[in-house]
Amino acid sequence: MGATVRAVRRRVHRSLVVIGLLSAAILPVSGAAAGGGRGQAAPDLVFVNGTILTMGPGHVVAQAVATTGDRITAVGSSAAIRALAGPSTRIIDLEGRTLVPGFIDPRVFGPFGFWEQTSGASLLVEGGNPASTPEEIETRLREWLGAHPPAPGSWVVAAGFNPRLVSSRRLRRDLVDALLPDNPCLVLSLDHHVALLNSKAIERLDPKSFTYPEGSGYVDLDASGSPTGLLREAPVFLAMNRVWELLPEGVRENATAGFLATAARYGLTTVGIPLAGPADVTTQEALGKEDDLSSRTVLQPFALNPEATRALAKPGGDAETPGSDLVRVGPAVSLVDGTPLGASAALFQPYRDASWTSGLLTMSPEALDDLLVRWGSGQKSVAVEVSGSLASHLLLDATERALRADPPR
């Protein structure tokens, strides 16, 4: 276990202290001379008189921990760790509090979500419920625009409507066009599996050019073959990728730095960012040069975005990006079905409150089998998302077949 001191939670008045993880060996200490001893440099920072949950093999619990630079260098008793301290070592008395490794959240919408939450319109209505009619969407967006008039031509994002509105005939581009005739606007459902674009956004994104496997979602078209603005499943994530790439670099940098700082504040020292693309690599490297990366990130492209998967392709699917050991590239994210909120998570039986559907498989069983076979043979790392009972069953069966075909050595 190791740690980055940038992410150390120093609010010792709380009962829990979180210290962020990086790869480094912990040296157990049973006794040592003052000032480091044995030729060892004194640590920069030590925590004593606590309960240190190392989470390592054997589930070792210690009283104290020492760090040097951005690494944990020793754990042991309070007396032994104090003996390592030198004149410039900072000593924090935990006073019985618990110190734990940093928490890892493998799946958040990350910088895009931070931008959406801090700069966009919320479509939640009374009680925190998602807007459930086109009229509620229009009202909430109108109210927000009255308080936050956008700069000419800038992107507007709104989120929080009920994804089951996908069947509403009024969920079309003209619902937003009247409010935003000159700004591109992306309106997202609460689960982010349904989206609505206005006419300006359709011009900027050209959703008809999106490529995705049959059955993984759709771009709704009217009788003339023009996009109505309604997107479902895979095209939604492709649209989110394109909007993010089209935002000014300063907006992306501010959102990324803000997201990472917020994650660190809540004890998340490693975050997985799905839907990552080329712009995320550029932004993370720029922040790394400014020493403004407060959490470790694992960038994961959307598997159906070929531009992103090519740009982030790394041997082994888990390699460090140039410029910082706090940024890594992980495996591409594949989605097998939708969500329960949208009645699109794939179930064995129809939904009780939506008896006309049992959900939607956005990846065929054959494609899932092929993906897991490549994983089982060691050809690639994978990240697969499933929600419903049928999708979960298919994933477990595919995993079992892959392991039978190429058993672990």
Protein backbone atom coordinates (compact mmCIF):
# COMPACT_ATOMS: atom_id res chain seq x y z
CA MET A 1 0.00 0.00 0.00
CA GLY A 2 1.23 3.50 -0.70
CA ALA A 3 -0.09 7.02 -0.55
CA THR A 4 -0.08 10.47 -2.06
CA VAL A 5 0.18 13.12 0.60
CA ARG A 6 -1.60 15.58 -1.69
CA ALA A 7 -4.76 13.65 -0.94
CA VAL A 8 -4.29 13.27 2.82
CA ARG A 9 -7.36 14.35 4.73
CA ARG A 10 -5.99 16.59 7.48
CA ARG A 11 -9.26 17.33 9.24
CA VAL A 12 -8.26 15.43 12.33
CA HIS A 13 -11.29 16.61 14.31
CA ARG A 14 -13.25 13.92 12.49
CA SER A 15 -13.29 10.29 13.51
CA LEU A 16 -12.03 9.11 10.12
CA VAL A 17 -8.92 10.22 8.26
CA VAL A 18 -8.43 9.19 4.63
CA ILE A 19 -5.03 8.90 2.98
CA GLY A 20 -4.76 8.46 -0.77
CA LEU A 21 -3.22 5.49 -2.49
CA LEU A 22 -0.28 5.14 -4.85
CA SER A 23 1.87 2.10 -5.50
CA ALA A 24 4.59 1.78 -2.87
CA ALA A 25 5.73 -0.81 -0.39
CA ILE A 26 5.01 -0.33 3.29
CA LEU A 27 7.91 -1.08 5.60
CA PRO A 28 6.78 -2.47 8.95
CA VAL A 29 8.77 -0.94 11.78
CA SER A 30 9.33 -2.55 15.15
CA GLY A 31 11.99 -0.12 16.34
CA ALA A 32 14.32 2.54 14.95
CA ALA A 33 16.66 5.28 15.99
CA ALA A 34 15.53 8.90 16.14
CA GLY A 35 15.79 10.97 12.98
CA GLY A 36 15.33 7.99 10.67
CA GLY A 37 18.16 5.78 11.84
CA ARG A 38 20.08 3.22 9.83
CA GLY A 39 20.94 5.91 7.28
CA GLN A 40 17.29 6.34 6.44
CA ALA A 41 16.06 9.91 5.83
CA ALA A 42 13.52 11.21 8.33
CA PRO A 43 9.91 11.19 7.04
CA ASP A 44 8.12 14.39 6.13
CA LEU A 45 4.91 13.49 7.96
CA VAL A 46 3.84 10.94 10.55
CA PHE A 47 0.46 10.03 12.03
CA VAL A 48 0.54 8.51 15.53
CA ASN A 49 -1.88 7.25 18.19
CA GLY A 50 -4.47 6.03 15.74
CA THR A 51 -5.99 2.90 14.31
CA ILE A 52 -4.30 2.42 10.93
CA LEU A 53 -6.23 0.05 8.66
CA THR A 54 -3.61 -0.92 6.08
CA MET A 55 -6.01 -3.13 4.06
CA GLY A 56 -2.98 -5.19 3.07
CA PRO A 57 -2.38 -8.95 3.27
CA GLY A 58 -3.11 -10.21 6.74
CA HIS A 59 -5.33 -7.19 7.43
CA VAL A 60 -2.61 -5.55 9.54
CA VAL A 61 -3.81 -2.87 11.96
CA ALA A 62 -1.14 -0.46 13.18
CA GLN A 63 -0.95 2.58 15.45
CA ALA A 64 1.07 4.91 13.28
CA VAL A 65 2.25 5.59 9.73
CA ALA A 66 5.09 7.63 8.20
CA THR A 67 5.20 9.28 4.77
CA THR A 68 8.03 10.73 2.74
CA GLY A 69 7.25 12.81 -0.31
CA ASP A 70 4.13 11.30 -1.80
CA ARG A 71 4.70 7.77 -0.46
CA ILE A 72 3.92 5.82 2.69
CA THR A 73 7.27 4.58 3.95
CA ALA A 74 6.52 2.80 7.23
CA VAL A 75 3.77 1.59 9.54
CA GLY A 76 4.09 0.33 13.08
CA SER A 77 3.64 1.31 16.70
CA SER A 78 3.41 4.94 17.69
CA ALA A 79 6.73 4.72 19.55
CA ALA A 80 8.55 3.17 16.60
CA ILE A 81 7.19 5.65 14.07
CA ARG A 82 7.88 8.64 16.36
CA ALA A 83 11.48 7.42 16.55
CA LEU A 84 11.80 7.92 12.79
CA ALA A 85 10.90 11.62 13.02
CA GLY A 86 13.49 14.30 12.49
CA PRO A 87 13.54 18.01 13.40
CA SER A 88 11.47 18.97 10.32
CA THR A 89 9.00 16.08 10.46
CA ARG A 90 5.39 17.10 10.98
CA ILE A 91 3.66 14.92 13.58
CA ILE A 92 -0.13 14.58 13.65
CA ASP A 93 -1.72 13.00 16.70
CA LEU A 94 -4.81 11.09 15.56
CA GLU A 95 -6.03 10.84 19.17
CA GLY A 96 -7.50 7.41 18.59
CA ARG A 97 -9.10 8.20 15.25
CA THR A 98 -9.05 5.73 12.37
CA LEU A 99 -6.90 6.26 9.27
CA VAL A 100 -7.83 4.31 6.14
CA PRO A 101 -6.55 4.07 2.57
CA GLY A 102 -8.22 6.35 0.05
CA PHE A 103 -11.57 5.28 -1.33
CA ILE A 104 -11.81 4.31 -5.00
CA ASP A 105 -14.91 5.05 -7.06
CA PRO A 106 -14.55 3.14 -10.33
CA ARG A 107 -17.46 4.73 -12.12
CA VAL A 108 -18.54 8.38 -12.07
CA PHE A 109 -19.30 10.81 -14.86
CA GLY A 110 -16.40 12.86 -13.61
CA PRO A 111 -15.48 16.20 -15.16
CA PHE A 112 -18.46 16.15 -17.55
CA GLY A 113 -20.80 15.51 -14.64
CA PHE A 114 -19.15 18.27 -12.60
CA TRP A 115 -19.65 20.71 -15.47
CA GLU A 116 -23.25 19.55 -15.82
CA GLN A 117 -23.93 19.91 -12.08
CA THR A 118 -22.23 23.26 -11.55
CA SER A 119 -22.93 25.01 -14.85
CA GLY A 120 -26.10 23.37 -16.13
CA ALA A 121 -29.82 23.39 -15.46
CA SER A 122 -31.36 20.90 -13.07
CA LEU A 123 -34.65 19.43 -14.27
CA LEU A 124 -35.52 17.95 -10.90
CA VAL A 125 -38.87 19.12 -9.54
CA GLU A 126 -40.43 19.15 -6.10
CA GLY A 127 -39.14 16.40 -3.83
CA GLY A 128 -36.07 15.87 -5.99
CA ASN A 129 -38.06 13.89 -8.55
CA PRO A 130 -37.20 13.95 -12.26
CA ALA A 131 -39.32 16.08 -14.56
CA SER A 132 -41.99 13.70 -15.85
CA THR A 133 -43.72 15.74 -18.54
CA PRO A 134 -42.47 17.88 -21.44
CA GLU A 135 -44.16 20.84 -19.74
CA GLU A 136 -42.08 20.33 -16.60
CA ILE A 137 -38.89 20.20 -18.67
CA GLU A 138 -39.85 23.42 -20.43
CA THR A 139 -40.75 25.18 -17.16
CA ARG A 140 -37.56 24.18 -15.32
CA LEU A 141 -35.36 25.12 -18.29
CA ARG A 142 -37.12 28.47 -18.74
CA GLU A 143 -36.64 29.28 -15.04
CA TRP A 144 -32.95 28.41 -15.18
CA LEU A 145 -32.35 30.45 -18.33
CA GLY A 146 -34.00 33.46 -16.69
CA ALA A 147 -31.40 33.33 -13.93
CA HIS A 148 -28.45 32.15 -16.06
CA PRO A 149 -28.61 33.68 -19.55
CA PRO A 150 -25.95 31.91 -21.65
CA ALA A 151 -23.31 33.65 -23.73
CA PRO A 152 -24.19 33.72 -27.43
CA GLY A 153 -23.36 30.42 -29.11
CA SER A 154 -22.20 28.69 -25.92
CA TRP A 155 -23.31 25.20 -24.98
CA VAL A 156 -26.16 24.74 -22.53
CA VAL A 157 -26.60 21.47 -20.66
CA ALA A 158 -29.62 20.38 -18.63
CA ALA A 159 -30.26 17.09 -16.87
CA GLY A 160 -32.83 15.33 -14.75
CA PHE A 161 -35.93 14.34 -16.71
CA ASN A 162 -37.60 10.94 -16.44
CA PRO A 163 -36.11 8.62 -19.09
CA ARG A 164 -39.51 6.96 -19.56
CA LEU A 165 -40.51 10.11 -21.41
CA VAL A 166 -38.72 8.56 -24.38
CA SER A 167 -42.12 7.50 -25.73
CA SER A 168 -43.56 11.03 -25.56
CA ARG A 169 -44.27 12.54 -28.94
CA ARG A 170 -43.47 15.98 -27.55
CA LEU A 171 -39.89 15.07 -26.70
CA ARG A 172 -38.56 16.67 -29.87
CA ARG A 173 -36.11 19.43 -30.75
CA ASP A 174 -38.77 22.16 -30.97
CA LEU A 175 -39.42 21.78 -27.23
CA VAL A 176 -36.05 23.47 -26.63
CA ASP A 177 -35.76 25.48 -29.85
CA ALA A 178 -38.30 28.04 -28.64
CA LEU A 179 -36.20 28.70 -25.53
CA LEU A 180 -32.75 28.48 -27.11
CA PRO A 181 -32.87 29.38 -30.79
CA ASP A 182 -29.21 30.50 -30.89
CA ASN A 183 -27.46 28.17 -28.43
CA PRO A 184 -26.78 24.45 -28.79
CA CYS A 185 -28.43 22.54 -25.94
CA LEU A 186 -28.05 18.98 -24.65
CA VAL A 187 -30.88 17.83 -22.39
CA LEU A 188 -30.20 14.58 -20.50
CA SER A 189 -32.43 12.20 -18.61
CA LEU A 190 -31.65 11.53 -14.96
CA ASP A 191 -29.95 8.22 -15.85
CA HIS A 192 -28.18 9.75 -18.90
CA HIS A 193 -29.51 7.03 -21.20
CA VAL A 194 -31.92 9.34 -23.08
CA ALA A 195 -31.11 12.77 -24.51
CA LEU A 196 -32.77 15.58 -26.42
CA LEU A 197 -30.92 17.94 -28.73
CA ASN A 198 -32.23 21.24 -30.05
CA SER A 199 -31.67 22.30 -33.66
CA LYS A 200 -28.40 24.14 -32.95
CA ALA A 201 -27.01 21.07 -31.17
CA ILE A 202 -28.06 18.86 -34.09
CA GLU A 203 -26.12 21.18 -36.41
CA ARG A 204 -23.00 21.01 -34.23
CA LEU A 205 -23.06 17.27 -33.50
CA ASP A 206 -24.54 15.78 -36.69
CA PRO A 207 -26.01 12.74 -34.87
CA LYS A 208 -26.82 11.01 -38.16
CA SER A 209 -23.06 10.52 -38.57
CA PHE A 210 -22.80 8.51 -35.34
CA THR A 211 -21.84 4.87 -35.89
CA TYR A 212 -22.93 2.17 -33.44
CA PRO A 213 -24.00 -1.47 -33.62
CA GLU A 214 -27.59 -2.24 -34.49
CA GLY A 215 -29.65 -2.64 -31.35
CA SER A 216 -27.35 -0.56 -29.13
CA GLY A 217 -29.59 2.50 -29.32
CA TYR A 218 -30.94 4.90 -31.90
CA VAL A 219 -31.05 8.42 -33.29
CA ASP A 220 -34.73 9.15 -33.84
CA LEU A 221 -35.60 10.39 -37.35
CA ASP A 222 -38.76 12.02 -38.66
CA ALA A 223 -40.60 11.05 -41.86
CA SER A 224 -38.15 13.09 -43.95
CA GLY A 225 -35.13 11.36 -42.41
CA SER A 226 -34.07 14.35 -40.31
CA PRO A 227 -33.14 13.92 -36.63
CA THR A 228 -35.96 14.79 -34.26
CA GLY A 229 -33.42 15.49 -31.53
CA LEU A 230 -34.23 12.37 -29.49
CA LEU A 231 -31.36 9.97 -28.75
CA ARG A 232 -31.35 6.74 -26.76
CA GLU A 233 -28.53 4.61 -25.27
CA ALA A 234 -25.25 4.50 -27.27
CA PRO A 235 -25.85 7.71 -29.28
CA VAL A 236 -26.37 9.59 -25.99
CA PHE A 237 -22.85 8.74 -24.84
CA LEU A 238 -21.41 9.57 -28.25
CA ALA A 239 -23.15 12.94 -28.05
CA MET A 240 -21.77 13.57 -24.56
CA ASN A 241 -18.28 12.78 -25.86
CA ARG A 242 -18.63 15.24 -28.73
CA VAL A 243 -20.07 18.02 -26.58
CA TRP A 244 -17.16 17.64 -24.14
CA GLU A 245 -14.63 17.83 -26.97
CA LEU A 246 -16.31 20.98 -28.32
CA LEU A 247 -16.20 22.89 -25.03
CA PRO A 248 -13.42 25.48 -24.60
CA GLU A 249 -10.26 24.04 -23.03
CA GLY A 250 -10.59 26.43 -20.09
CA VAL A 251 -14.05 25.10 -19.29
CA ARG A 252 -12.77 21.50 -19.37
CA GLU A 253 -9.77 22.35 -17.18
CA ASN A 254 -11.91 24.14 -14.59
CA ALA A 255 -14.43 21.31 -14.50
CA THR A 256 -11.72 18.66 -14.23
CA ALA A 257 -9.83 20.46 -11.46
CA GLY A 258 -13.08 21.13 -9.61
CA PHE A 259 -14.20 17.52 -9.89
CA LEU A 260 -10.87 16.13 -8.67
CA ALA A 261 -10.73 18.56 -5.74
CA THR A 262 -14.29 17.63 -4.75
CA ALA A 263 -13.50 13.92 -5.01
CA ALA A 264 -10.45 14.35 -2.77
CA ARG A 265 -12.46 16.38 -0.27
CA TYR A 266 -14.82 13.44 0.13
CA GLY A 267 -12.00 10.92 0.48
CA LEU A 268 -12.04 9.61 -3.10
CA THR A 269 -8.39 9.37 -4.02
CA THR A 270 -8.84 7.33 -7.20
CA VAL A 271 -11.72 7.82 -9.62
CA GLY A 272 -12.56 5.96 -12.79
CA ILE A 273 -13.82 8.23 -15.55
CA PRO A 274 -15.84 6.44 -18.23
CA LEU A 275 -16.60 8.22 -21.50
CA ALA A 276 -13.07 9.67 -21.48
CA GLY A 277 -11.67 10.93 -24.76
CA PRO A 278 -8.60 12.61 -26.27
CA ALA A 279 -9.43 15.96 -24.68
CA ASP A 280 -9.32 14.37 -21.22
CA VAL A 281 -5.74 13.23 -21.75
CA THR A 282 -4.73 16.75 -22.84
CA THR A 283 -6.55 18.34 -19.90
CA GLN A 284 -5.14 15.94 -17.32
CA GLU A 285 -1.60 16.44 -18.59
CA ALA A 286 -2.01 20.23 -18.45
CA LEU A 287 -3.27 20.02 -14.86
CA GLY A 288 -0.43 17.65 -13.98
CA LYS A 289 2.14 20.20 -15.13
CA GLU A 290 0.46 22.75 -12.84
CA ASP A 291 0.49 20.23 -9.95
CA ASP A 292 -3.30 20.56 -9.85
CA LEU A 293 -4.25 16.86 -9.84
CA SER A 294 -5.66 16.21 -6.38
CA SER A 295 -6.94 12.68 -7.09
CA ARG A 296 -5.71 9.82 -9.21
CA THR A 297 -7.78 9.13 -12.32
CA VAL A 298 -8.27 6.13 -14.56
CA LEU A 299 -9.47 7.28 -17.98
CA GLN A 300 -11.79 4.80 -19.70
CA PRO A 301 -13.18 5.42 -23.18
CA PHE A 302 -16.64 4.39 -24.28
CA ALA A 303 -16.12 1.14 -26.19
CA LEU A 304 -18.34 2.28 -29.09
CA ASN A 305 -16.37 5.49 -29.65
CA PRO A 306 -13.54 4.43 -32.00
CA GLU A 307 -11.81 7.83 -31.87
CA ALA A 308 -11.61 7.70 -28.08
CA THR A 309 -10.54 4.06 -27.91
CA ARG A 310 -7.77 4.67 -30.45
CA ALA A 311 -6.56 7.80 -28.69
CA LEU A 312 -6.47 6.09 -25.30
CA ALA A 313 -5.25 2.71 -26.50
CA LYS A 314 -2.43 1.39 -24.32
CA PRO A 315 -0.71 -2.00 -24.29
CA GLY A 316 -2.34 -4.16 -21.64
CA GLY A 317 -5.21 -1.73 -21.22
CA ASP A 318 -3.84 -0.22 -17.99
CA ALA A 319 -0.83 2.01 -18.55
CA GLU A 320 0.33 5.36 -17.29
CA THR A 321 -0.18 8.31 -19.58
CA PRO A 322 2.72 10.64 -20.28
CA GLY A 323 3.19 13.46 -17.81
CA SER A 324 1.89 12.12 -14.49
CA ASP A 325 1.77 8.92 -12.47
CA LEU A 326 -1.62 10.10 -11.18
CA VAL A 327 -3.29 9.49 -14.56
CA ARG A 328 -3.81 6.05 -16.03
CA VAL A 329 -5.70 4.60 -18.97
CA GLY A 330 -8.03 1.73 -18.15
CA PRO A 331 -10.10 -0.62 -20.30
CA ALA A 332 -12.90 0.66 -22.49
CA VAL A 333 -16.39 0.53 -20.98
CA SER A 334 -19.01 -1.69 -22.65
CA LEU A 335 -22.70 -1.40 -21.74
CA VAL A 336 -24.91 -4.47 -21.98
CA ASP A 337 -28.28 -2.92 -21.13
CA GLY A 338 -30.03 0.21 -19.88
CA THR A 339 -31.26 1.19 -16.43
CA PRO A 340 -34.20 0.26 -14.18
CA LEU A 341 -35.20 3.93 -13.96
CA GLY A 342 -35.79 4.00 -17.69
CA ALA A 343 -37.32 0.49 -17.79
CA SER A 344 -34.44 -0.40 -20.09
CA ALA A 345 -32.39 -2.69 -17.81
CA ALA A 346 -32.79 -6.13 -19.42
CA LEU A 347 -34.94 -8.41 -17.25
CA PHE A 348 -36.24 -11.97 -17.61
CA GLN A 349 -39.80 -10.73 -17.12
CA PRO A 350 -41.72 -7.55 -17.96
CA TYR A 351 -41.58 -4.59 -15.60
CA ARG A 352 -44.44 -4.45 -13.12
CA ASP A 353 -44.97 -0.75 -13.79
CA ALA A 354 -44.18 -0.99 -17.52
CA SER A 355 -45.68 -4.31 -18.56
CA TRP A 356 -45.09 -3.68 -22.27
CA THR A 357 -41.31 -4.10 -21.92
CA SER A 358 -38.70 -6.26 -20.23
CA GLY A 359 -35.89 -3.85 -21.03
CA LEU A 360 -33.27 -3.55 -23.72
CA LEU A 361 -30.06 -5.42 -24.50
CA THR A 362 -27.63 -2.94 -26.03
CA MET A 363 -25.01 -5.63 -26.66
CA SER A 364 -25.83 -8.96 -28.26
CA PRO A 365 -25.00 -12.18 -26.40
CA GLU A 366 -22.62 -13.07 -29.25
CA ALA A 367 -20.73 -9.76 -28.92
CA LEU A 368 -20.55 -10.22 -25.15
CA ASP A 369 -19.17 -13.74 -25.62
CA ASP A 370 -16.51 -12.47 -28.02
CA LEU A 371 -15.48 -9.72 -25.59
CA LEU A 372 -15.15 -12.13 -22.67
CA VAL A 373 -13.24 -14.70 -24.76
CA ARG A 374 -10.64 -12.05 -25.55
CA TRP A 375 -10.49 -11.18 -21.87
CA GLY A 376 -10.18 -14.83 -20.82
CA SER A 377 -7.33 -15.42 -23.25
CA GLY A 378 -5.45 -12.41 -21.92
CA GLN A 379 -5.81 -10.38 -25.13
CA LYS A 380 -7.45 -7.40 -23.45
CA SER A 381 -8.79 -5.98 -20.21
CA VAL A 382 -12.51 -5.27 -20.08
CA ALA A 383 -14.99 -3.17 -18.12
CA VAL A 384 -18.60 -4.24 -18.54
CA GLU A 385 -21.71 -2.59 -17.10
CA VAL A 386 -24.93 -4.55 -16.53
CA SER A 387 -28.07 -3.62 -14.59
CA GLY A 388 -30.89 -6.10 -15.18
CA SER A 389 -31.26 -9.75 -14.20
CA LEU A 390 -31.05 -11.03 -17.80
CA ALA A 391 -28.00 -8.89 -18.59
CA SER A 392 -26.30 -10.05 -15.38
CA HIS A 393 -27.06 -13.69 -16.21
CA LEU A 394 -25.61 -13.30 -19.71
CA LEU A 395 -22.45 -11.69 -18.34
CA LEU A 396 -21.89 -14.43 -15.76
CA ASP A 397 -22.50 -17.16 -18.34
CA ALA A 398 -20.10 -15.52 -20.81
CA THR A 399 -17.47 -15.21 -18.07
CA GLU A 400 -17.85 -18.87 -17.16
CA ARG A 401 -17.50 -19.97 -20.78
CA ALA A 402 -14.43 -17.78 -21.25
CA LEU A 403 -12.76 -19.26 -18.16
CA ARG A 404 -13.58 -22.83 -19.23
CA ALA A 405 -12.08 -22.17 -22.65
CA ASP A 406 -8.88 -20.72 -21.18
CA PRO A 407 -8.57 -21.66 -17.47
CA PRO A 408 -6.42 -19.46 -15.21
CA ARG A 409 -2.84 -20.67 -14.97
